[in-house]
Protein backbone atom coordinates (compact mmCIF):
# COMPACT_ATOMS: atom_id res chain seq x y z
CA MET A 1 -10.80 -15.88 20.79
CA THR A 2 -9.25 -19.33 21.20
CA GLN A 3 -9.31 -21.91 18.53
CA SER A 4 -12.04 -24.12 20.51
CA ALA A 5 -14.27 -21.06 21.24
CA SER A 6 -14.68 -20.69 17.53
CA ALA A 7 -15.05 -24.16 16.79
CA ASN A 8 -18.65 -24.17 16.04
CA SER A 9 -18.68 -21.27 13.31
CA ASP A 10 -15.39 -22.62 11.92
CA ALA A 11 -17.23 -26.01 11.28
CA ILE A 12 -20.08 -24.47 9.66
CA LEU A 13 -17.79 -22.27 7.26
CA ALA A 14 -16.06 -25.38 6.39
CA ARG A 15 -19.17 -27.21 5.07
CA MET A 16 -20.12 -23.91 3.17
CA MET A 17 -16.74 -24.24 1.38
CA ALA A 18 -18.20 -27.27 -0.30
CA LEU A 19 -21.77 -25.93 -1.57
CA HIS A 20 -20.09 -24.55 -4.83
CA PRO A 21 -16.94 -25.90 -6.85
CA LYS A 22 -16.22 -22.26 -7.82
CA ILE A 23 -14.56 -19.89 -5.37
CA ILE A 24 -15.88 -17.19 -7.62
CA ASP A 25 -18.87 -17.10 -9.76
CA LEU A 26 -20.28 -13.80 -10.42
CA VAL A 27 -23.99 -14.10 -10.72
CA LEU A 28 -26.68 -12.96 -8.35
CA ASP A 29 -29.25 -15.49 -8.78
CA ARG A 30 -28.12 -17.63 -5.96
CA VAL A 31 -28.06 -14.91 -3.57
CA TRP A 32 -31.45 -13.82 -4.49
CA ARG A 33 -32.85 -17.15 -4.05
CA LEU A 34 -31.29 -17.44 -0.19
CA LEU A 35 -32.48 -13.85 0.76
CA GLU A 36 -35.89 -14.82 -0.50
CA ALA A 37 -35.73 -17.80 2.01
CA LEU A 38 -34.47 -15.74 4.81
CA ASP A 39 -37.49 -13.20 4.20
CA HIS A 40 -35.45 -10.62 2.50
CA PRO A 41 -33.01 -9.13 5.29
CA GLU A 42 -31.39 -6.89 2.48
CA LYS A 43 -34.87 -4.74 3.01
CA LYS A 44 -34.76 -4.29 6.61
CA LEU A 45 -31.31 -2.93 6.99
CA PRO A 46 -30.52 0.37 8.74
CA PRO A 47 -29.69 2.86 6.01
CA VAL A 48 -26.88 1.55 3.84
CA ILE A 49 -23.81 3.12 2.76
CA HIS A 50 -22.50 0.72 -0.21
CA LEU A 51 -18.49 0.99 -0.85
CA ALA A 52 -16.73 -0.18 -4.27
CA GLY A 53 -13.48 0.23 -5.75
CA THR A 54 -9.89 -1.26 -6.60
CA ASN A 55 -7.98 0.43 -3.94
CA GLY A 56 -9.03 2.32 -0.69
CA LYS A 57 -12.42 1.14 0.07
CA GLY A 58 -11.65 -0.79 3.18
CA SER A 59 -9.49 2.06 4.38
CA THR A 60 -12.37 4.73 3.65
CA GLN A 61 -15.01 2.15 5.34
CA ALA A 62 -12.91 2.38 8.52
CA MET A 63 -12.62 6.28 8.43
CA LEU A 64 -16.40 6.43 7.60
CA ARG A 65 -17.16 4.23 10.49
CA ALA A 66 -14.74 6.23 13.10
CA GLY A 67 -16.43 9.27 11.81
CA LEU A 68 -20.23 8.19 12.29
CA GLU A 69 -19.18 6.61 15.70
CA ALA A 70 -17.70 9.82 16.65
CA ALA A 71 -20.89 11.59 16.03
CA GLY A 72 -22.76 9.10 18.31
CA LYS A 73 -24.35 6.84 15.66
CA GLN A 74 -24.21 3.13 15.88
CA VAL A 75 -23.02 1.49 12.88
CA HIS A 76 -22.86 -2.08 11.27
CA ALA A 77 -20.00 -2.79 8.99
CA TYR A 78 -19.12 -5.65 6.61
CA THR A 79 -16.27 -6.09 4.74
CA SER A 80 -13.74 -8.96 3.11
CA PRO A 81 -11.71 -10.64 3.38
CA HIS A 82 -10.84 -10.95 7.11
CA LEU A 83 -7.14 -11.26 8.35
CA ALA A 84 -7.11 -13.55 11.64
CA ARG A 85 -10.53 -14.94 12.07
CA PHE A 86 -13.80 -14.61 9.99
CA HIS A 87 -15.60 -12.40 12.78
CA GLU A 88 -13.91 -9.44 11.60
CA ARG A 89 -16.17 -9.38 8.30
CA ILE A 90 -19.28 -8.38 10.35
CA ARG A 91 -19.49 -5.75 12.89
CA LEU A 92 -22.82 -5.04 14.62
CA ALA A 93 -23.56 -1.76 15.95
CA GLY A 94 -19.82 -1.10 16.70
CA GLU A 95 -18.61 -4.62 18.07
CA LEU A 96 -17.33 -7.58 16.08
CA ILE A 97 -20.10 -10.24 15.89
CA SER A 98 -20.08 -12.82 18.83
CA GLU A 99 -19.55 -16.40 18.19
CA GLU A 100 -22.85 -17.28 19.38
CA ALA A 101 -24.53 -14.75 16.96
CA LEU A 102 -22.10 -15.87 14.00
CA THR A 103 -22.90 -19.39 14.52
CA ALA A 104 -26.64 -18.87 14.85
CA VAL A 105 -26.93 -16.76 11.46
CA LEU A 106 -24.44 -19.40 9.50
CA ASP A 107 -26.29 -22.44 10.80
CA GLU A 108 -29.71 -20.58 9.59
CA CYS A 109 -28.27 -19.65 6.28
CA TYR A 110 -26.90 -23.14 6.05
CA GLU A 111 -30.17 -24.57 6.44
CA LYS A 112 -32.40 -22.32 4.54
CA ASN A 113 -30.17 -22.77 1.64
CA GLY A 114 -30.89 -26.57 1.23
CA GLY A 115 -27.45 -27.87 0.19
CA VAL A 116 -27.94 -26.29 -3.21
CA ASP A 117 -25.18 -24.63 -5.24
CA ILE A 118 -23.78 -21.25 -3.62
CA THR A 119 -20.40 -19.86 -3.25
CA TYR A 120 -18.91 -19.43 0.11
CA PHE A 121 -18.99 -15.51 -0.29
CA GLU A 122 -22.73 -15.41 -1.18
CA ILE A 123 -23.90 -17.52 1.80
CA THR A 124 -21.50 -15.65 4.27
CA THR A 125 -22.77 -12.42 2.97
CA CYS A 126 -26.23 -13.26 3.24
CA ALA A 127 -25.40 -14.27 6.96
CA GLY A 128 -24.00 -10.94 7.53
CA LEU A 129 -26.97 -9.23 6.09
CA LEU A 130 -29.26 -11.25 8.17
CA ALA A 131 -27.20 -10.44 11.34
CA MET A 132 -27.30 -6.83 10.89
CA ALA A 133 -30.94 -6.81 9.68
CA ARG A 134 -31.73 -8.21 13.16
CA THR A 135 -29.70 -5.55 15.07
CA PRO A 136 -30.57 -1.95 15.55
CA ALA A 137 -28.24 0.58 14.18
CA ASP A 138 -28.06 3.94 12.47
CA PHE A 139 -26.48 3.19 9.60
CA THR A 140 -24.90 -0.34 7.52
CA LEU A 141 -21.65 0.26 5.56
CA LEU A 142 -21.36 -2.47 2.88
CA GLU A 143 -18.09 -3.01 1.23
CA THR A 144 -18.20 -5.08 -2.06
CA GLY A 145 -16.15 -8.26 -2.18
CA LEU A 146 -15.49 -8.22 -5.97
CA GLY A 147 -16.39 -5.76 -8.69
CA GLY A 148 -19.96 -4.47 -7.70
CA ARG A 149 -22.52 -5.00 -10.42
CA LEU A 150 -22.86 -8.69 -9.61
CA ASP A 151 -21.33 -8.75 -6.36
CA ALA A 152 -23.35 -10.58 -3.23
CA THR A 153 -23.61 -7.03 -1.44
CA ASN A 154 -25.39 -5.35 -4.43
CA VAL A 155 -28.83 -6.48 -3.26
CA VAL A 156 -30.02 -3.33 -1.75
CA GLU A 157 -32.46 -1.51 -3.93
CA GLN A 158 -32.18 2.18 -2.29
CA PRO A 159 -28.93 2.52 -0.35
CA ALA A 160 -28.52 5.91 1.55
CA MET A 161 -25.28 6.60 -0.53
CA THR A 162 -22.77 4.73 -2.65
CA ILE A 163 -18.87 5.52 -2.54
CA ILE A 164 -16.40 4.39 -5.49
CA THR A 165 -12.92 4.72 -4.49
CA PRO A 166 -9.83 4.80 -6.82
CA ILE A 167 -10.21 2.46 -9.79
CA SER A 168 -7.25 0.43 -11.54
CA LEU A 169 -6.57 -3.02 -12.96
CA ASP A 170 -7.03 -5.91 -10.56
CA HIS A 171 -9.11 -9.07 -10.89
CA GLU A 172 -8.78 -8.89 -14.68
CA GLN A 173 -9.79 -12.26 -15.13
CA PHE A 174 -13.29 -11.72 -13.52
CA LEU A 175 -13.88 -7.93 -14.23
CA GLY A 176 -12.56 -7.29 -17.75
CA ASP A 177 -8.78 -6.32 -19.26
CA THR A 178 -9.13 -2.60 -19.13
CA VAL A 179 -9.76 0.03 -16.62
CA ALA A 180 -13.03 1.18 -18.37
CA LYS A 181 -14.40 -2.50 -18.16
CA ILE A 182 -13.55 -2.67 -14.61
CA ALA A 183 -15.11 0.76 -13.94
CA ALA A 184 -18.30 -0.46 -15.65
CA GLU A 185 -18.47 -3.26 -12.68
CA LYS A 186 -17.79 -1.13 -10.12
CA ALA A 187 -20.24 1.56 -11.31
CA GLY A 188 -22.92 -1.12 -10.85
CA ILE A 189 -23.42 -0.25 -7.30
CA ILE A 190 -24.87 3.31 -8.38
CA LYS A 191 -28.68 3.36 -7.69
CA ARG A 192 -31.20 5.66 -9.29
CA GLY A 193 -31.55 8.77 -7.59
CA VAL A 194 -28.79 7.75 -4.84
CA PRO A 195 -25.95 10.23 -4.31
CA CYS A 196 -22.45 8.72 -5.31
CA VAL A 197 -19.25 10.07 -3.77
CA VAL A 198 -16.37 9.31 -6.18
CA GLY A 199 -12.49 9.51 -5.34
CA PRO A 200 -9.81 9.94 -7.76
CA GLN A 201 -10.21 8.08 -11.07
CA PRO A 202 -8.50 7.68 -14.26
CA GLU A 203 -10.20 9.60 -16.80
CA GLU A 204 -11.65 6.29 -18.74
CA ALA A 205 -13.14 5.44 -15.45
CA MET A 206 -14.57 8.67 -14.54
CA GLU A 207 -16.41 8.53 -17.85
CA VAL A 208 -17.96 5.36 -17.34
CA ILE A 209 -19.00 6.17 -13.85
CA GLU A 210 -20.50 9.81 -15.15
CA ALA A 211 -22.48 8.01 -17.76
CA ARG A 212 -23.87 5.46 -15.38
CA ALA A 213 -24.91 8.21 -12.93
CA ALA A 214 -26.49 10.28 -15.71
CA ALA A 215 -28.53 7.30 -17.14
CA LEU A 216 -29.68 6.76 -13.37
CA GLY A 217 -30.21 10.35 -12.16
CA ALA A 218 -27.67 9.78 -9.49
CA PRO A 219 -26.13 13.07 -8.17
CA LEU A 220 -22.42 12.69 -8.18
CA ILE A 221 -19.86 14.13 -5.67
CA ALA A 222 -16.76 13.74 -7.27
CA TYR A 223 -13.04 14.44 -6.40
CA GLY A 224 -11.73 17.31 -8.59
CA GLN A 225 -15.47 18.80 -9.20
CA HIS A 226 -17.30 18.75 -6.04
CA TRP A 227 -14.65 18.23 -3.58
CA HIS A 228 -10.70 18.90 -3.29
CA VAL A 229 -8.31 17.52 -0.47
CA TRP A 230 -4.87 18.04 0.09
CA GLU A 231 -2.09 17.99 2.58
CA GLU A 232 -0.40 21.33 3.93
CA ARG A 233 2.08 22.15 6.76
CA GLY A 234 1.40 18.58 8.29
CA ARG A 235 -2.69 18.98 8.29
CA LEU A 236 -5.24 17.87 6.01
CA VAL A 237 -7.51 20.42 4.22
CA PHE A 238 -10.64 19.31 2.59
CA GLN A 239 -12.98 21.88 0.33
CA ASP A 240 -16.07 21.73 -0.82
CA GLU A 241 -19.01 23.94 -1.71
CA THR A 242 -19.71 24.41 1.80
CA GLY A 243 -16.14 25.72 2.89
CA LEU A 244 -12.71 24.50 4.26
CA LEU A 245 -11.97 21.74 6.80
CA ASP A 246 -8.70 21.92 8.68
CA LEU A 247 -8.07 18.75 10.07
CA PRO A 248 -5.26 16.45 11.60
CA LEU A 249 -3.58 14.24 9.17
CA PRO A 250 -5.28 10.47 8.87
CA SER A 251 -4.36 7.95 11.63
CA LEU A 252 -4.14 5.27 8.69
CA PRO A 253 -0.56 6.02 7.40
CA GLY A 254 0.28 6.65 3.84
CA ALA A 255 -0.10 9.65 1.35
CA HIS A 256 -2.81 7.42 -0.44
CA GLN A 257 -4.75 7.87 2.58
CA ILE A 258 -5.40 11.60 2.00
CA GLN A 259 -7.75 11.03 -0.87
CA ASN A 260 -9.44 8.07 0.99
CA ALA A 261 -9.99 10.85 3.74
CA GLY A 262 -11.25 13.24 1.29
CA ALA A 263 -14.12 10.60 0.23
CA THR A 264 -14.94 9.97 3.54
CA LEU A 265 -15.14 13.83 4.34
CA ALA A 266 -17.46 14.20 1.21
CA ALA A 267 -19.71 11.55 2.51
CA LEU A 268 -19.91 12.78 6.21
CA ARG A 269 -20.37 16.25 4.90
CA TYR A 270 -23.25 15.28 2.67
CA LEU A 271 -24.84 13.51 5.61
CA LYS A 272 -24.20 16.79 7.93
CA MET A 273 -22.53 14.68 10.46
CA GLY A 274 -20.72 17.67 11.87
CA ASP A 275 -17.19 18.53 13.34
CA ALA A 276 -16.77 15.53 15.71
CA ALA A 277 -17.57 13.07 13.08
CA TYR A 278 -14.80 14.94 10.70
CA GLU A 279 -12.18 14.90 13.54
CA GLY A 280 -12.89 11.20 14.34
CA ALA A 281 -12.72 9.87 11.05
CA MET A 282 -9.37 11.34 10.79
CA THR A 283 -7.98 10.52 14.43
CA ASP A 284 -9.86 7.25 15.35
CA ALA A 285 -9.57 4.90 12.42
CA THR A 286 -7.90 1.58 12.53
CA TRP A 287 -7.33 -0.55 9.78
CA PRO A 288 -5.01 -3.58 10.07
CA ALA A 289 -2.55 -4.62 7.44
CA ARG A 290 -2.50 -1.25 5.99
CA MET A 291 1.06 -0.14 6.70
CA GLN A 292 0.59 -1.41 10.07
CA ARG A 293 3.44 -0.92 12.48
CA LEU A 294 4.17 -4.46 14.33
CA THR A 295 5.45 -2.99 17.71
CA ASP A 296 4.14 -5.70 19.93
CA HIS A 297 4.31 -8.51 17.38
CA SER A 298 6.29 -11.91 18.45
CA LEU A 299 8.58 -11.22 15.58
CA GLN A 300 9.91 -8.31 17.24
CA ALA A 301 11.63 -10.57 19.68
CA ARG A 302 13.62 -11.83 16.48
CA ALA A 303 14.78 -8.31 15.65
CA PRO A 304 14.53 -6.18 18.57
CA GLN A 305 16.33 -3.14 16.96
CA ALA A 306 14.36 -3.53 13.56
CA GLU A 307 11.34 -1.39 12.49
CA LEU A 308 8.67 -3.87 11.46
CA TRP A 309 5.57 -3.10 9.18
CA LEU A 310 2.78 -4.92 7.56
CA ASP A 311 0.92 -4.27 4.47
CA GLY A 312 -1.74 -6.41 2.64
CA GLY A 313 -1.68 -4.57 -0.84
CA HIS A 314 -1.07 -6.59 -3.87
CA ASN A 315 -1.47 -4.92 -7.15
CA PRO A 316 0.34 -2.03 -9.08
CA ALA A 317 -1.59 0.77 -7.54
CA ALA A 318 -0.74 -0.49 -4.14
CA GLY A 319 2.85 -1.03 -4.98
CA LYS A 320 3.17 2.50 -6.03
CA ALA A 321 1.35 3.77 -3.07
CA LEU A 322 3.67 1.74 -0.72
CA ALA A 323 6.75 2.91 -2.61
CA ASP A 324 5.61 6.57 -2.39
CA HIS A 325 5.07 6.06 1.42
CA LEU A 326 8.42 4.60 1.86
CA ALA A 327 10.14 7.36 0.06
CA LYS A 328 8.94 9.70 2.57
CA LEU A 329 9.77 8.01 6.06
CA PRO A 330 13.04 9.04 7.75
CA SER A 331 15.93 7.36 6.02
CA ARG A 332 16.51 3.75 7.08
CA PRO A 333 17.73 0.61 5.25
CA THR A 334 14.59 -0.93 3.93
CA HIS A 335 14.08 -4.68 3.16
CA LEU A 336 10.94 -6.36 1.91
CA ILE A 337 9.57 -9.96 2.70
CA CYS A 338 7.02 -10.48 0.00
CA GLY A 339 4.63 -13.23 -0.77
CA MET A 340 1.98 -13.21 -3.62
CA LEU A 341 -0.70 -15.01 -5.07
CA ASN A 342 -0.39 -16.48 -8.39
CA THR A 343 -3.45 -14.64 -9.41
CA LYS A 344 -1.94 -11.25 -8.91
CA ASP A 345 0.22 -8.87 -11.34
CA ALA A 346 3.46 -9.76 -9.02
CA SER A 347 5.61 -7.74 -11.45
CA GLY A 348 3.46 -4.84 -11.39
CA PHE A 349 3.23 -4.86 -7.55
CA LEU A 350 6.97 -5.22 -7.51
CA ARG A 351 8.34 -2.97 -9.78
CA PRO A 352 7.70 0.43 -8.32
CA LEU A 353 9.19 -0.92 -4.83
CA ALA A 354 12.74 -1.56 -6.60
CA ALA A 355 13.87 1.92 -5.89
CA GLN A 356 12.93 1.86 -2.11
CA ALA A 357 14.29 -1.34 -1.19
CA GLN A 358 17.76 -2.87 -0.44
CA SER A 359 16.72 -6.45 -0.73
CA LEU A 360 13.52 -8.48 -1.06
CA THR A 361 13.30 -11.96 0.24
CA ALA A 362 10.42 -13.83 -1.30
CA VAL A 363 8.39 -16.40 0.72
CA SER A 364 5.40 -18.58 -0.09
CA ILE A 365 2.25 -18.02 1.66
CA PRO A 366 1.49 -20.72 4.24
CA ASP A 367 -1.55 -22.96 3.57
CA GLU A 368 -2.60 -21.15 0.48
CA ILE A 369 -3.30 -23.02 -2.53
CA ASN A 370 -2.93 -20.13 -4.86
CA THR A 371 0.70 -18.75 -3.58
CA LEU A 372 3.08 -17.88 -6.00
CA PRO A 373 6.24 -19.94 -5.11
CA ALA A 374 8.85 -18.41 -3.52
CA ASP A 375 11.48 -18.96 -6.43
CA GLU A 376 8.98 -17.41 -8.95
CA THR A 377 8.42 -14.35 -6.70
CA ALA A 378 12.18 -13.83 -6.29
CA LYS A 379 12.83 -14.50 -10.20
CA MET A 380 10.13 -11.64 -10.87
CA ALA A 381 11.32 -9.19 -8.21
CA SER A 382 14.91 -9.75 -9.76
CA GLU A 383 13.61 -8.99 -13.46
CA CYS A 384 12.21 -5.68 -11.59
CA GLY A 385 15.39 -4.66 -10.26
CA HIS A 386 15.36 -6.01 -6.95
CA THR A 387 18.26 -7.94 -5.20
CA ALA A 388 16.22 -10.76 -4.33
CA ARG A 389 16.51 -14.23 -2.47
CA THR A 390 14.31 -16.79 -0.96
CA ALA A 391 13.28 -18.09 2.48
CA GLU A 392 11.34 -20.92 4.06
CA ASP A 393 9.10 -18.73 5.87
CA VAL A 394 8.95 -15.06 7.29
CA ALA A 395 10.55 -15.72 10.47
CA THR A 396 13.79 -17.06 8.54
CA ALA A 397 13.91 -14.22 6.31
CA LEU A 398 13.62 -11.80 8.95
CA GLU A 399 16.60 -13.32 10.86
CA GLN A 400 18.36 -13.61 7.34
CA ILE A 401 17.90 -9.48 7.11
CA VAL A 402 18.84 -8.53 10.41
CA ALA A 403 21.92 -10.78 10.86
CA SER A 404 23.60 -8.13 8.31
CA ASP A 405 21.40 -5.27 9.30
CA PRO A 406 19.93 -5.34 12.94
CA GLU A 407 18.45 -1.96 12.55
CA ALA A 408 16.69 -2.39 9.05
CA ARG A 409 13.24 -1.18 8.12
CA VAL A 410 11.30 -4.49 7.18
CA LEU A 411 8.12 -4.58 5.24
CA ILE A 412 6.14 -7.87 5.07
CA CYS A 413 3.86 -7.34 1.78
CA GLY A 414 2.21 -8.74 -1.27
CA SER A 415 -0.75 -10.32 -0.01
CA LEU A 416 -3.70 -10.16 2.58
CA TYR A 417 -3.46 -13.59 2.95
CA LEU A 418 0.16 -13.38 4.09
CA ALA A 419 -0.73 -10.46 6.36
CA GLY A 420 -3.66 -12.49 7.64
CA HIS A 421 -1.10 -15.56 8.37
CA ILE A 422 1.21 -12.97 10.48
CA LEU A 423 -1.71 -11.56 12.76
CA ARG A 424 -3.01 -15.06 13.20
CA GLU A 425 0.55 -16.12 14.41
CA ASN A 426 0.42 -13.39 17.09
CA ALA A 427 -3.06 -14.16 18.30
């Protein structure tokens, strides 16, 4: 889509940004007020599967959607943040929302809100719910934006299922400074009597989830108790009480995707979707900026012999997952180009990557007010054991790397906002 083609929705989104001074303000009162004005679209959705977690919820949603669609189902999906354009957040019956439909629901929500305080995420979530309520489908996949208990997506009284992917420290300023506190927020999506698939968790997180589920009589389908998943001889093996599945490895790269695939399969098995769904979840899923190979990107022209990758992971768990994946790739000199937000644990992300990278070039994220300045990222990287320097931008960083190492493996990483900038530059 050209810039002019999305001018209508861009203009409305810009107006929405001014409706509330805080970017994040975790209460549900404003959402309930607008949903009532919209005649409660959250009550008219196709059966909802609600996902929360610190890492993996986007990848799990992508695999789940691929599996349901392989079984012949029509699937809505809501996710955030977007990378290149806002339309990515709302998928209606398998297709990204059209500019016409997006403009219509955004405009309606803006008018119904009446100019009173509401955050950007809250009002755009309401727009997504409105669009999905008006379009027939078999399932609705809702991914939380932040936390769970007070997230704007947590408005469906009786979803068909909830899923909680691995929990770790992230967004501590909003969710709490311990894994247990964060788990309490994520577990807020669990509903009375509704089954909940749970991915691998730290013990303190699992205790919180189990207590919440017990209090609400919600059946748990938990990793290590009700299902297991592992890689064996280049295949994925899943086991639950109904037996074994022998499947291709996930199309999404990285050892951490095995556990996300397991949660996906546990959900699909509970829904009795069948073999086509299980196979499709593994082979058909795509999810940009999750160890995405940039084979046809404009940056490739600047480094024709290099191997370029893009990943939006930004917290310590993501850093470890990336390091583990890099360690398993064929031997090749690996260099990082990294840009991060000042709200993230940069050292926690960078530290596990030091053993896998020959160098790190730090950049500031373009047009991002909360970027961590490149020199600060480089300083933290040096303290974590990296050989670090700075560059004006990603293109310059890449040219510096390949000047001395033309066949390098280069991973651009540190933030979904940086990843989005890279993908938009190639649009």
